[in-house]
Structures are given as C-alpha cells and as structure tokens.
Amino acid sequence: MISIYSISALILAYLFGSIPTAVWIGQAFYGIDVREYGSGNAGATNTFRVLGKKAGIAVMVLDILKGYTATNLAYLIGLSVTGPQDSVQFVNYQLALGVTAVMGHLFPVFAGFRGGKGIATLFGMILAVHTGAALICVLTFVVVLLISKYVSLSSILSGFSFPLSVIFIFQSPIRSVVLYGMCICVLILVTHQKNIERLLKGKESKVDLFKRKE
C-alpha cells in the first residue's frame, strides 16, 4: 500500500543515504576531498586509505548509522500500512527503505551524485533487518581485516557472509531477505571491481589498525 507516509519515508531514506560523510569529514578536518585520491570513492574504505584509521572508523560508523536509521524509518510509517513488525510486509518496507538509502550513498544528491560503494550503509541496513546475520558479518569483517589488512577484501567477504548465514545458519523463511542477500553479492562484485583487480595484482593498499603513526 502506497501512502504519503511511505513516500515521505523513502525520500528521507534517500536523503539519509546521501549524506556524504567521507567528503564532509575530509574537507572539514583535513582540507581534502577523498574522491580526488586513492580509489576516488567517497566511502569508508577509501577514507582509511587516504586519511587514516581515525577518519576511516568515523566514516564507517556514521555510514552504518545512515543505513540503520533509514531502514528503521519503517517504524514511523504506521502499522496500517506496513503491517505488524514481525510480518513479511514490514520487513519488505525495511528492505525498500534500506535499498533507497544505499542508492543515496552511491549517488548522493549532496555531493554531485559521486558517492561510495555502500558497504557500511548496507551493513546498517542488515543490522536493522537481521541482527544475527549482521553479527556474523562483523565477525567476518574483523577476522579477515586482522589477517589480511585489506579493508576492501574484508568488506567483500563480510557482504558475502550475509546471504550464506541467512540461508544456512538462520534459514530465514522470508524470501525477500534471501533475495536481497543474493543481490548484495552482485552489488559488491560490481562496485568492487577495481578493488578485486588490485587484490589479484597485489596492488591493493593495506590498513594496519594497530600501527602507530610516527
């Protein structure tokens, strides 16, 4: 059911996603537009690469909050439209809002439609929709990052762990969540194409979270 509330929520979700966290933090605190350096993306991974771990962590957390907040706008639409909070219809509204926020991150109206790759915003969406699978994504990200020191590889494998955990561990009965998980894998492969090429060539930048700057 389409209502003024659901339409307004979708617009707000896009605007939340469009907040160019990496660009604004880079320009405000470092005088740098991260899109002009590194991979050219306005996301947490490139912020780690260009500005370091403090800025990277800040961007990552804020981008996660964008996705989480936008997805949970479903609670403001009204049960008469979304149905009960444990219903398939409600989850579908959450997915729609989350995807809209991710599109805002990829094509932000506040930054000339030049955004990032949406992994952190995707995670915020997953956290709102399926907390258990989100925790597995976090565990995957941390373990891979500590072992490889590649933020991009950690993001890719973390994203792939979502559909696998939903299907094989939690066995979610909601088909739209499973389908969304599969779409995540496709999106990751598309948006991380250059990262994958650099990883295969051994040219991808590493991040050591425990290394102190001299």
N, C-alpha and C. Protein backbone atom coordinates (compact mmCIF):
# COMPACT_ATOMS: atom_id res chain seq x y z
N MET A 1 0.85 -1.20 0.00
CA MET A 1 0.00 0.00 0.00
C MET A 1 0.88 1.25 0.00
N ILE A 2 0.63 2.12 -0.95
CA ILE A 2 1.39 3.36 -1.05
C ILE A 2 0.63 4.48 -0.36
N SER A 3 1.32 5.21 0.51
CA SER A 3 0.71 6.33 1.21
C SER A 3 1.69 7.49 1.24
N ILE A 4 1.21 8.63 1.67
CA ILE A 4 2.07 9.80 1.79
C ILE A 4 3.19 9.54 2.79
N TYR A 5 2.89 8.69 3.79
CA TYR A 5 3.89 8.39 4.81
C TYR A 5 5.01 7.51 4.24
N SER A 6 4.64 6.51 3.45
CA SER A 6 5.66 5.63 2.87
C SER A 6 6.51 6.36 1.84
N ILE A 7 5.87 7.24 1.06
CA ILE A 7 6.62 8.03 0.07
C ILE A 7 7.59 8.98 0.78
N SER A 8 7.10 9.62 1.84
CA SER A 8 7.95 10.55 2.60
C SER A 8 9.12 9.80 3.24
N ALA A 9 8.85 8.58 3.73
CA ALA A 9 9.91 7.78 4.34
C ALA A 9 10.98 7.41 3.31
N LEU A 10 10.58 7.08 2.09
CA LEU A 10 11.53 6.74 1.04
C LEU A 10 12.40 7.94 0.68
N ILE A 11 11.78 9.13 0.64
CA ILE A 11 12.54 10.35 0.34
C ILE A 11 13.55 10.61 1.45
N LEU A 12 13.11 10.46 2.71
CA LEU A 12 14.01 10.67 3.84
C LEU A 12 15.15 9.64 3.84
N ALA A 13 14.81 8.41 3.48
CA ALA A 13 15.83 7.36 3.43
C ALA A 13 16.90 7.70 2.40
N TYR A 14 16.49 8.20 1.25
CA TYR A 14 17.46 8.60 0.22
C TYR A 14 18.32 9.75 0.72
N LEU A 15 17.71 10.72 1.39
CA LEU A 15 18.46 11.87 1.89
C LEU A 15 19.45 11.46 2.99
N PHE A 16 19.03 10.53 3.85
CA PHE A 16 19.95 10.00 4.86
C PHE A 16 21.16 9.36 4.17
N GLY A 17 20.87 8.53 3.18
CA GLY A 17 21.94 7.86 2.46
C GLY A 17 22.84 8.82 1.71
N SER A 18 22.28 9.95 1.30
CA SER A 18 23.02 10.92 0.50
C SER A 18 24.01 11.76 1.31
N ILE A 19 23.94 11.69 2.64
CA ILE A 19 24.88 12.46 3.45
C ILE A 19 26.29 11.96 3.16
N PRO A 20 27.13 12.79 2.52
CA PRO A 20 28.47 12.35 2.10
C PRO A 20 29.47 12.44 3.25
N THR A 21 29.37 11.51 4.16
CA THR A 21 30.18 11.53 5.38
C THR A 21 31.67 11.65 5.09
N ALA A 22 32.18 10.84 4.18
CA ALA A 22 33.60 10.85 3.87
C ALA A 22 34.04 12.20 3.29
N VAL A 23 33.21 12.75 2.42
CA VAL A 23 33.54 14.03 1.79
C VAL A 23 33.54 15.15 2.82
N TRP A 24 32.50 15.21 3.63
CA TRP A 24 32.40 16.30 4.61
C TRP A 24 33.48 16.21 5.68
N ILE A 25 33.76 15.02 6.18
CA ILE A 25 34.81 14.87 7.20
C ILE A 25 36.18 15.20 6.60
N GLY A 26 36.42 14.72 5.39
CA GLY A 26 37.70 15.01 4.73
C GLY A 26 37.91 16.49 4.50
N GLN A 27 36.88 17.18 4.06
CA GLN A 27 37.01 18.61 3.78
C GLN A 27 37.05 19.44 5.05
N ALA A 28 36.26 19.06 6.06
CA ALA A 28 36.18 19.85 7.29
C ALA A 28 37.42 19.71 8.17
N PHE A 29 37.97 18.51 8.26
CA PHE A 29 39.07 18.28 9.20
C PHE A 29 40.44 18.11 8.54
N TYR A 30 40.46 17.82 7.24
CA TYR A 30 41.74 17.58 6.57
C TYR A 30 41.95 18.45 5.34
N GLY A 31 40.90 19.18 4.94
CA GLY A 31 41.00 20.00 3.74
C GLY A 31 41.20 19.17 2.49
N ILE A 32 40.67 17.95 2.50
CA ILE A 32 40.87 17.01 1.39
C ILE A 32 39.53 16.43 0.95
N ASP A 33 39.33 16.37 -0.34
CA ASP A 33 38.19 15.66 -0.91
C ASP A 33 38.68 14.26 -1.25
N VAL A 34 38.26 13.26 -0.48
CA VAL A 34 38.78 11.90 -0.65
C VAL A 34 38.50 11.34 -2.05
N ARG A 35 37.55 11.94 -2.75
CA ARG A 35 37.24 11.45 -4.10
C ARG A 35 38.32 11.80 -5.11
N GLU A 36 39.22 12.67 -4.71
CA GLU A 36 40.32 13.06 -5.60
C GLU A 36 41.58 12.24 -5.35
N TYR A 37 41.50 11.29 -4.43
CA TYR A 37 42.67 10.48 -4.09
C TYR A 37 42.27 9.01 -3.98
N GLY A 38 43.28 8.15 -3.94
CA GLY A 38 43.02 6.73 -3.77
C GLY A 38 42.17 6.17 -4.88
N SER A 39 41.10 5.47 -4.49
CA SER A 39 40.20 4.86 -5.47
C SER A 39 39.20 5.85 -6.04
N GLY A 40 39.11 7.03 -5.42
CA GLY A 40 38.18 8.05 -5.91
C GLY A 40 36.77 7.89 -5.37
N ASN A 41 36.57 6.96 -4.43
CA ASN A 41 35.25 6.73 -3.85
C ASN A 41 35.08 7.46 -2.53
N ALA A 42 33.86 7.91 -2.28
CA ALA A 42 33.55 8.62 -1.04
C ALA A 42 32.97 7.64 -0.03
N GLY A 43 33.82 6.73 0.44
CA GLY A 43 33.37 5.74 1.40
C GLY A 43 34.41 5.47 2.46
N ALA A 44 34.09 4.56 3.37
CA ALA A 44 34.98 4.27 4.49
C ALA A 44 36.30 3.66 4.03
N THR A 45 36.26 2.76 3.06
CA THR A 45 37.48 2.10 2.61
C THR A 45 38.49 3.09 2.07
N ASN A 46 38.04 3.99 1.22
CA ASN A 46 38.96 4.98 0.65
C ASN A 46 39.39 5.99 1.70
N THR A 47 38.53 6.25 2.68
CA THR A 47 38.91 7.16 3.76
C THR A 47 40.02 6.56 4.60
N PHE A 48 39.92 5.25 4.89
CA PHE A 48 41.02 4.56 5.57
C PHE A 48 42.31 4.74 4.79
N ARG A 49 42.21 4.56 3.48
CA ARG A 49 43.38 4.59 2.61
C ARG A 49 43.99 5.99 2.56
N VAL A 50 43.17 7.01 2.46
CA VAL A 50 43.64 8.38 2.23
C VAL A 50 43.90 9.15 3.53
N LEU A 51 43.00 9.04 4.49
CA LEU A 51 43.08 9.87 5.69
C LEU A 51 43.51 9.12 6.95
N GLY A 52 43.53 7.80 6.90
CA GLY A 52 43.97 7.04 8.07
C GLY A 52 42.82 6.41 8.84
N LYS A 53 43.19 5.67 9.89
CA LYS A 53 42.20 4.85 10.58
C LYS A 53 41.19 5.66 11.41
N LYS A 54 41.60 6.79 12.00
CA LYS A 54 40.66 7.56 12.80
C LYS A 54 39.52 8.10 11.95
N ALA A 55 39.87 8.70 10.83
CA ALA A 55 38.84 9.21 9.93
C ALA A 55 38.05 8.06 9.32
N GLY A 56 38.74 6.97 8.99
CA GLY A 56 38.08 5.82 8.39
C GLY A 56 37.05 5.21 9.31
N ILE A 57 37.40 5.06 10.58
CA ILE A 57 36.47 4.48 11.55
C ILE A 57 35.27 5.41 11.75
N ALA A 58 35.52 6.72 11.81
CA ALA A 58 34.43 7.68 11.98
C ALA A 58 33.45 7.61 10.81
N VAL A 59 33.99 7.56 9.60
CA VAL A 59 33.14 7.48 8.40
C VAL A 59 32.37 6.17 8.39
N MET A 60 33.03 5.09 8.75
CA MET A 60 32.38 3.78 8.75
C MET A 60 31.19 3.77 9.72
N VAL A 61 31.41 4.26 10.94
CA VAL A 61 30.35 4.26 11.95
C VAL A 61 29.18 5.12 11.49
N LEU A 62 29.46 6.30 10.98
CA LEU A 62 28.40 7.20 10.55
C LEU A 62 27.64 6.64 9.34
N ASP A 63 28.35 6.00 8.45
CA ASP A 63 27.69 5.40 7.29
C ASP A 63 26.80 4.22 7.70
N ILE A 64 27.24 3.48 8.71
CA ILE A 64 26.41 2.40 9.24
C ILE A 64 25.13 2.99 9.84
N LEU A 65 25.28 4.08 10.58
CA LEU A 65 24.12 4.73 11.19
C LEU A 65 23.15 5.25 10.13
N LYS A 66 23.67 5.69 9.00
CA LYS A 66 22.79 6.14 7.91
C LYS A 66 21.87 5.01 7.47
N GLY A 67 22.46 3.85 7.21
CA GLY A 67 21.66 2.72 6.75
C GLY A 67 20.70 2.23 7.82
N TYR A 68 21.17 2.18 9.06
CA TYR A 68 20.34 1.70 10.17
C TYR A 68 19.15 2.62 10.41
N THR A 69 19.42 3.92 10.43
CA THR A 69 18.36 4.89 10.68
C THR A 69 17.34 4.90 9.55
N ALA A 70 17.82 4.90 8.31
CA ALA A 70 16.92 4.92 7.17
C ALA A 70 16.03 3.69 7.15
N THR A 71 16.60 2.52 7.41
CA THR A 71 15.83 1.27 7.40
C THR A 71 14.75 1.27 8.47
N ASN A 72 15.06 1.84 9.62
CA ASN A 72 14.12 1.85 10.73
C ASN A 72 13.06 2.94 10.62
N LEU A 73 13.10 3.70 9.53
CA LEU A 73 12.00 4.64 9.28
C LEU A 73 10.69 3.88 9.06
N ALA A 74 10.79 2.58 8.82
CA ALA A 74 9.60 1.75 8.65
C ALA A 74 8.70 1.82 9.89
N TYR A 75 9.32 2.04 11.05
CA TYR A 75 8.54 2.11 12.28
C TYR A 75 7.67 3.37 12.34
N LEU A 76 8.02 4.37 11.53
CA LEU A 76 7.28 5.64 11.56
C LEU A 76 6.16 5.70 10.53
N ILE A 77 6.13 4.72 9.62
CA ILE A 77 5.12 4.75 8.56
C ILE A 77 3.74 4.45 9.09
N GLY A 78 3.65 3.52 10.03
CA GLY A 78 2.36 3.15 10.59
C GLY A 78 2.00 1.72 10.28
N LEU A 79 1.50 1.01 11.29
CA LEU A 79 1.18 -0.40 11.14
C LEU A 79 0.06 -0.64 10.13
N SER A 80 -0.80 0.35 9.94
CA SER A 80 -1.89 0.18 8.98
C SER A 80 -1.35 0.03 7.56
N VAL A 81 -0.13 0.54 7.33
CA VAL A 81 0.49 0.45 6.01
C VAL A 81 1.46 -0.71 5.95
N THR A 82 2.32 -0.83 6.96
CA THR A 82 3.39 -1.84 6.93
C THR A 82 2.97 -3.20 7.46
N GLY A 83 1.89 -3.24 8.25
CA GLY A 83 1.53 -4.48 8.90
C GLY A 83 2.33 -4.65 10.18
N PRO A 84 2.13 -5.74 10.92
CA PRO A 84 2.86 -5.98 12.18
C PRO A 84 4.37 -5.99 11.96
N GLN A 85 5.12 -5.68 13.02
CA GLN A 85 6.57 -5.55 12.88
C GLN A 85 7.29 -6.88 12.64
N ASP A 86 6.62 -7.98 12.85
CA ASP A 86 7.21 -9.28 12.57
C ASP A 86 6.67 -9.89 11.28
N SER A 87 5.99 -9.07 10.49
CA SER A 87 5.38 -9.57 9.25
C SER A 87 6.33 -9.42 8.07
N VAL A 88 6.07 -10.20 7.02
CA VAL A 88 6.86 -10.11 5.79
C VAL A 88 6.71 -8.72 5.18
N GLN A 89 5.53 -8.15 5.25
CA GLN A 89 5.28 -6.84 4.67
C GLN A 89 6.13 -5.76 5.33
N PHE A 90 6.26 -5.84 6.65
CA PHE A 90 7.07 -4.86 7.37
C PHE A 90 8.54 -4.98 6.98
N VAL A 91 9.03 -6.21 6.91
CA VAL A 91 10.43 -6.44 6.50
C VAL A 91 10.66 -5.93 5.09
N ASN A 92 9.69 -6.12 4.22
CA ASN A 92 9.82 -5.63 2.85
C ASN A 92 9.92 -4.11 2.81
N TYR A 93 9.17 -3.43 3.69
CA TYR A 93 9.29 -1.98 3.78
C TYR A 93 10.68 -1.59 4.27
N GLN A 94 11.20 -2.35 5.25
CA GLN A 94 12.54 -2.08 5.73
C GLN A 94 13.56 -2.23 4.60
N LEU A 95 13.44 -3.29 3.84
CA LEU A 95 14.36 -3.54 2.73
C LEU A 95 14.29 -2.42 1.70
N ALA A 96 13.07 -1.97 1.39
CA ALA A 96 12.89 -0.90 0.41
C ALA A 96 13.56 0.39 0.88
N LEU A 97 13.39 0.70 2.15
CA LEU A 97 13.99 1.91 2.71
C LEU A 97 15.51 1.80 2.75
N GLY A 98 16.00 0.61 3.14
CA GLY A 98 17.44 0.40 3.20
C GLY A 98 18.09 0.50 1.83
N VAL A 99 17.47 -0.11 0.84
CA VAL A 99 18.00 -0.05 -0.53
C VAL A 99 18.01 1.38 -1.03
N THR A 100 16.97 2.14 -0.69
CA THR A 100 16.91 3.55 -1.09
C THR A 100 18.05 4.34 -0.46
N ALA A 101 18.36 4.04 0.80
CA ALA A 101 19.48 4.72 1.48
C ALA A 101 20.81 4.36 0.81
N VAL A 102 20.96 3.10 0.43
CA VAL A 102 22.19 2.67 -0.25
C VAL A 102 22.33 3.39 -1.59
N MET A 103 21.23 3.54 -2.30
CA MET A 103 21.26 4.27 -3.57
C MET A 103 21.65 5.73 -3.32
N GLY A 104 21.20 6.27 -2.19
CA GLY A 104 21.59 7.63 -1.83
C GLY A 104 23.08 7.72 -1.58
N HIS A 105 23.65 6.68 -0.95
CA HIS A 105 25.10 6.66 -0.71
C HIS A 105 25.87 6.54 -2.02
N LEU A 106 25.38 5.71 -2.92
CA LEU A 106 26.05 5.54 -4.21
C LEU A 106 25.95 6.79 -5.07
N PHE A 107 24.78 7.44 -5.02
CA PHE A 107 24.53 8.62 -5.85
C PHE A 107 23.96 9.74 -4.98
N PRO A 108 24.83 10.35 -4.15
CA PRO A 108 24.37 11.36 -3.18
C PRO A 108 24.04 12.71 -3.82
N VAL A 109 22.84 13.18 -3.56
CA VAL A 109 22.42 14.46 -4.11
C VAL A 109 23.24 15.61 -3.52
N PHE A 110 23.78 15.41 -2.30
CA PHE A 110 24.55 16.46 -1.64
C PHE A 110 26.01 16.52 -2.08
N ALA A 111 26.43 15.59 -2.94
CA ALA A 111 27.84 15.56 -3.36
C ALA A 111 27.96 15.27 -4.85
N GLY A 112 27.10 15.89 -5.63
CA GLY A 112 27.20 15.77 -7.08
C GLY A 112 27.01 14.36 -7.60
N PHE A 113 26.28 13.52 -6.82
CA PHE A 113 25.97 12.14 -7.22
C PHE A 113 27.23 11.27 -7.37
N ARG A 114 28.32 11.67 -6.71
CA ARG A 114 29.56 10.88 -6.69
C ARG A 114 29.77 10.35 -5.27
N GLY A 115 29.35 9.11 -5.04
CA GLY A 115 29.41 8.56 -3.71
C GLY A 115 30.39 7.43 -3.55
N GLY A 116 30.12 6.59 -2.54
CA GLY A 116 30.98 5.46 -2.25
C GLY A 116 30.39 4.16 -2.76
N LYS A 117 30.80 3.07 -2.13
CA LYS A 117 30.36 1.75 -2.60
C LYS A 117 29.24 1.16 -1.75
N GLY A 118 28.92 1.82 -0.66
CA GLY A 118 27.72 1.46 0.09
C GLY A 118 27.83 0.30 1.06
N ILE A 119 29.04 -0.22 1.30
CA ILE A 119 29.16 -1.40 2.17
C ILE A 119 28.74 -1.09 3.61
N ALA A 120 29.23 0.01 4.17
CA ALA A 120 28.88 0.35 5.55
C ALA A 120 27.38 0.66 5.67
N THR A 121 26.83 1.34 4.69
CA THR A 121 25.40 1.64 4.69
C THR A 121 24.59 0.36 4.54
N LEU A 122 25.08 -0.56 3.72
CA LEU A 122 24.45 -1.87 3.58
C LEU A 122 24.45 -2.60 4.92
N PHE A 123 25.57 -2.50 5.64
CA PHE A 123 25.64 -3.18 6.93
C PHE A 123 24.63 -2.59 7.91
N GLY A 124 24.48 -1.26 7.89
CA GLY A 124 23.49 -0.62 8.76
C GLY A 124 22.09 -1.14 8.47
N MET A 125 21.82 -1.37 7.21
CA MET A 125 20.54 -1.93 6.79
C MET A 125 20.38 -3.36 7.30
N ILE A 126 21.44 -4.17 7.15
CA ILE A 126 21.41 -5.56 7.62
C ILE A 126 21.21 -5.60 9.13
N LEU A 127 21.87 -4.70 9.84
CA LEU A 127 21.76 -4.64 11.29
C LEU A 127 20.32 -4.40 11.72
N ALA A 128 19.61 -3.57 10.96
CA ALA A 128 18.22 -3.26 11.29
C ALA A 128 17.28 -4.41 10.93
N VAL A 129 17.58 -5.12 9.86
CA VAL A 129 16.69 -6.17 9.36
C VAL A 129 16.94 -7.52 10.02
N HIS A 130 18.23 -7.87 10.20
CA HIS A 130 18.57 -9.20 10.73
C HIS A 130 19.83 -9.08 11.58
N THR A 131 19.66 -8.85 12.88
CA THR A 131 20.77 -8.61 13.79
C THR A 131 21.74 -9.78 13.85
N GLY A 132 21.22 -11.00 13.87
CA GLY A 132 22.07 -12.17 13.96
C GLY A 132 23.03 -12.28 12.79
N ALA A 133 22.50 -12.11 11.57
CA ALA A 133 23.33 -12.16 10.38
C ALA A 133 24.32 -11.00 10.37
N ALA A 134 23.91 -9.86 10.90
CA ALA A 134 24.79 -8.69 10.96
C ALA A 134 26.00 -8.97 11.84
N LEU A 135 25.79 -9.67 12.95
CA LEU A 135 26.90 -10.00 13.85
C LEU A 135 27.89 -10.93 13.17
N ILE A 136 27.40 -11.84 12.36
CA ILE A 136 28.29 -12.72 11.60
C ILE A 136 29.08 -11.92 10.59
N CYS A 137 28.45 -10.92 9.99
CA CYS A 137 29.15 -10.04 9.05
C CYS A 137 30.27 -9.29 9.75
N VAL A 138 30.00 -8.81 10.95
CA VAL A 138 31.02 -8.09 11.73
C VAL A 138 32.19 -9.02 12.04
N LEU A 139 31.87 -10.22 12.50
CA LEU A 139 32.92 -11.18 12.84
C LEU A 139 33.78 -11.50 11.61
N THR A 140 33.13 -11.70 10.48
CA THR A 140 33.85 -11.97 9.24
C THR A 140 34.75 -10.81 8.87
N PHE A 141 34.22 -9.59 8.96
CA PHE A 141 34.99 -8.40 8.61
C PHE A 141 36.23 -8.27 9.49
N VAL A 142 36.04 -8.40 10.80
CA VAL A 142 37.16 -8.22 11.75
C VAL A 142 38.24 -9.28 11.54
N VAL A 143 37.82 -10.54 11.41
CA VAL A 143 38.79 -11.63 11.25
C VAL A 143 39.59 -11.45 9.97
N VAL A 144 38.90 -11.16 8.87
CA VAL A 144 39.59 -11.00 7.58
C VAL A 144 40.51 -9.79 7.61
N LEU A 145 40.06 -8.70 8.24
CA LEU A 145 40.88 -7.49 8.31
C LEU A 145 42.14 -7.72 9.14
N LEU A 146 42.01 -8.40 10.26
CA LEU A 146 43.17 -8.67 11.11
C LEU A 146 44.18 -9.57 10.40
N ILE A 147 43.67 -10.51 9.59
CA ILE A 147 44.55 -11.44 8.90
C ILE A 147 45.17 -10.81 7.65
N SER A 148 44.34 -10.16 6.84
CA SER A 148 44.80 -9.67 5.54
C SER A 148 45.21 -8.20 5.54
N LYS A 149 44.59 -7.39 6.44
CA LYS A 149 44.78 -5.95 6.50
C LYS A 149 44.20 -5.23 5.27
N TYR A 150 43.37 -5.92 4.51
CA TYR A 150 42.68 -5.32 3.37
C TYR A 150 41.25 -4.97 3.78
N VAL A 151 40.93 -3.68 3.82
CA VAL A 151 39.56 -3.27 4.15
C VAL A 151 38.59 -3.73 3.05
N SER A 152 39.03 -3.60 1.80
CA SER A 152 38.16 -3.97 0.68
C SER A 152 37.82 -5.46 0.71
N LEU A 153 38.83 -6.31 0.92
CA LEU A 153 38.60 -7.75 0.98
C LEU A 153 37.70 -8.10 2.16
N SER A 154 37.92 -7.43 3.28
CA SER A 154 37.08 -7.66 4.46
C SER A 154 35.63 -7.29 4.17
N SER A 155 35.43 -6.18 3.48
CA SER A 155 34.08 -5.74 3.13
C SER A 155 33.40 -6.72 2.19
N ILE A 156 34.16 -7.20 1.20
CA ILE A 156 33.61 -8.13 0.21
C ILE A 156 33.17 -9.43 0.87
N LEU A 157 34.06 -10.04 1.66
CA LEU A 157 33.74 -11.31 2.30
C LEU A 157 32.66 -11.15 3.37
N SER A 158 32.64 -10.00 4.02
CA SER A 158 31.61 -9.73 5.01
C SER A 158 30.24 -9.66 4.34
N GLY A 159 30.19 -9.00 3.19
CA GLY A 159 28.93 -8.91 2.45
C GLY A 159 28.45 -10.27 1.98
N PHE A 160 29.36 -11.12 1.54
CA PHE A 160 29.00 -12.45 1.08
C PHE A 160 28.54 -13.34 2.24
N SER A 161 29.01 -13.05 3.45
CA SER A 161 28.62 -13.87 4.59
C SER A 161 27.15 -13.68 4.96
N PHE A 162 26.56 -12.55 4.55
CA PHE A 162 25.16 -12.29 4.90
C PHE A 162 24.21 -13.31 4.28
N PRO A 163 24.17 -13.45 2.95
CA PRO A 163 23.25 -14.44 2.39
C PRO A 163 23.55 -15.87 2.84
N LEU A 164 24.83 -16.18 3.02
CA LEU A 164 25.20 -17.53 3.45
C LEU A 164 24.66 -17.82 4.85
N SER A 165 24.78 -16.84 5.75
CA SER A 165 24.29 -17.04 7.12
C SER A 165 22.77 -17.07 7.16
N VAL A 166 22.13 -16.22 6.35
CA VAL A 166 20.66 -16.18 6.32
C VAL A 166 20.10 -17.51 5.81
N ILE A 167 20.76 -18.07 4.80
CA ILE A 167 20.26 -19.31 4.18
C ILE A 167 20.61 -20.54 5.00
N PHE A 168 21.88 -20.66 5.41
CA PHE A 168 22.34 -21.92 6.01
C PHE A 168 22.32 -21.93 7.54
N ILE A 169 22.48 -20.78 8.18
CA ILE A 169 22.51 -20.75 9.64
C ILE A 169 21.13 -20.42 10.22
N PHE A 170 20.56 -19.31 9.75
CA PHE A 170 19.27 -18.88 10.31
C PHE A 170 18.07 -19.42 9.54
N GLN A 171 18.33 -19.87 8.31
CA GLN A 171 17.27 -20.45 7.48
C GLN A 171 16.02 -19.56 7.47
N SER A 172 16.22 -18.32 7.09
CA SER A 172 15.14 -17.34 7.09
C SER A 172 13.99 -17.77 6.16
N PRO A 173 12.76 -17.70 6.67
CA PRO A 173 11.60 -18.08 5.86
C PRO A 173 11.14 -16.95 4.93
N ILE A 174 11.73 -15.76 5.11
CA ILE A 174 11.31 -14.61 4.30
C ILE A 174 12.14 -14.56 3.02
N ARG A 175 11.52 -14.86 1.91
CA ARG A 175 12.22 -14.96 0.64
C ARG A 175 12.87 -13.66 0.21
N SER A 176 12.23 -12.54 0.54
CA SER A 176 12.77 -11.24 0.12
C SER A 176 14.12 -10.97 0.77
N VAL A 177 14.32 -11.46 2.01
CA VAL A 177 15.61 -11.28 2.70
C VAL A 177 16.69 -12.11 2.00
N VAL A 178 16.32 -13.33 1.62
CA VAL A 178 17.27 -14.19 0.91
C VAL A 178 17.63 -13.58 -0.44
N LEU A 179 16.61 -13.11 -1.16
CA LEU A 179 16.84 -12.49 -2.47
C LEU A 179 17.70 -11.25 -2.33
N TYR A 180 17.43 -10.46 -1.30
CA TYR A 180 18.22 -9.27 -1.04
C TYR A 180 19.68 -9.64 -0.79
N GLY A 181 19.89 -10.71 -0.02
CA GLY A 181 21.26 -11.16 0.26
C GLY A 181 22.00 -11.51 -1.01
N MET A 182 21.31 -12.15 -1.94
CA MET A 182 21.94 -12.50 -3.21
C MET A 182 22.25 -11.25 -4.04
N CYS A 183 21.35 -10.29 -3.97
CA CYS A 183 21.58 -9.02 -4.70
C CYS A 183 22.78 -8.28 -4.13
N ILE A 184 23.00 -8.41 -2.82
CA ILE A 184 24.17 -7.80 -2.18
C ILE A 184 25.44 -8.31 -2.84
N CYS A 185 25.50 -9.62 -3.06
CA CYS A 185 26.69 -10.21 -3.66
C CYS A 185 26.96 -9.63 -5.04
N VAL A 186 25.90 -9.47 -5.83
CA VAL A 186 26.05 -8.89 -7.17
C VAL A 186 26.53 -7.45 -7.07
N LEU A 187 25.92 -6.68 -6.17
CA LEU A 187 26.30 -5.28 -5.99
C LEU A 187 27.75 -5.15 -5.57
N ILE A 188 28.19 -6.02 -4.67
CA ILE A 188 29.57 -5.99 -4.19
C ILE A 188 30.54 -6.25 -5.33
N LEU A 189 30.23 -7.24 -6.16
CA LEU A 189 31.11 -7.56 -7.28
C LEU A 189 31.20 -6.41 -8.27
N VAL A 190 30.08 -5.71 -8.47
CA VAL A 190 30.06 -4.58 -9.41
C VAL A 190 30.82 -3.39 -8.86
N THR A 191 30.53 -3.02 -7.61
CA THR A 191 31.14 -1.82 -7.04
C THR A 191 32.61 -2.01 -6.64
N HIS A 192 33.03 -3.25 -6.44
CA HIS A 192 34.41 -3.51 -6.03
C HIS A 192 35.26 -4.11 -7.14
N GLN A 193 34.85 -3.90 -8.35
CA GLN A 193 35.57 -4.48 -9.48
C GLN A 193 37.04 -4.05 -9.50
N LYS A 194 37.30 -2.76 -9.32
CA LYS A 194 38.67 -2.27 -9.34
C LYS A 194 39.47 -2.79 -8.15
N ASN A 195 38.79 -2.88 -7.00
CA ASN A 195 39.47 -3.42 -5.81
C ASN A 195 39.88 -4.86 -6.03
N ILE A 196 38.98 -5.62 -6.64
CA ILE A 196 39.27 -7.04 -6.91
C ILE A 196 40.46 -7.16 -7.86
N GLU A 197 40.49 -6.28 -8.86
CA GLU A 197 41.61 -6.30 -9.81
C GLU A 197 42.92 -5.99 -9.10
N ARG A 198 42.90 -4.99 -8.19
CA ARG A 198 44.12 -4.63 -7.45
C ARG A 198 44.53 -5.74 -6.49
N LEU A 199 43.54 -6.41 -5.88
CA LEU A 199 43.84 -7.52 -4.99
C LEU A 199 44.52 -8.66 -5.74
N LEU A 200 44.03 -8.95 -6.92
CA LEU A 200 44.60 -10.03 -7.74
C LEU A 200 46.02 -9.70 -8.19
N LYS A 201 46.28 -8.38 -8.37
CA LYS A 201 47.61 -7.94 -8.81
C LYS A 201 48.54 -7.65 -7.63
N GLY A 202 47.99 -7.74 -6.40
CA GLY A 202 48.81 -7.45 -5.21
C GLY A 202 49.09 -5.97 -5.03
N LYS A 203 48.23 -5.12 -5.57
CA LYS A 203 48.46 -3.67 -5.51
C LYS A 203 47.47 -2.95 -4.60
N GLU A 204 46.60 -3.68 -3.94
CA GLU A 204 45.62 -3.05 -3.06
C GLU A 204 46.31 -2.57 -1.78
N SER A 205 45.92 -1.38 -1.31
CA SER A 205 46.51 -0.81 -0.09
C SER A 205 46.03 -1.55 1.14
N LYS A 206 46.93 -1.67 2.13
CA LYS A 206 46.61 -2.33 3.38
C LYS A 206 46.42 -1.30 4.49
N VAL A 207 45.69 -1.71 5.52
CA VAL A 207 45.47 -0.87 6.69
C VAL A 207 45.82 -1.67 7.93
N ASP A 208 46.73 -1.16 8.74
CA ASP A 208 47.09 -1.81 9.99
C ASP A 208 46.49 -1.01 11.14
N LEU A 209 45.43 -1.56 11.73
CA LEU A 209 44.71 -0.84 12.78
C LEU A 209 45.55 -0.64 14.05
N PHE A 210 46.58 -1.43 14.22
CA PHE A 210 47.36 -1.36 15.45
C PHE A 210 48.69 -0.65 15.26
N LYS A 211 48.95 -0.19 14.06
CA LYS A 211 50.20 0.51 13.80
C LYS A 211 50.08 1.97 14.19
N ARG A 212 51.05 2.45 14.92
CA ARG A 212 51.05 3.85 15.33
C ARG A 212 51.81 4.69 14.32
N LYS A 213 51.27 5.86 14.08
CA LYS A 213 51.96 6.77 13.18
C LYS A 213 53.18 7.36 13.86
N GLU A 214 54.25 7.45 13.08
CA GLU A 214 55.49 8.02 13.63
C GLU A 214 55.34 9.54 13.76
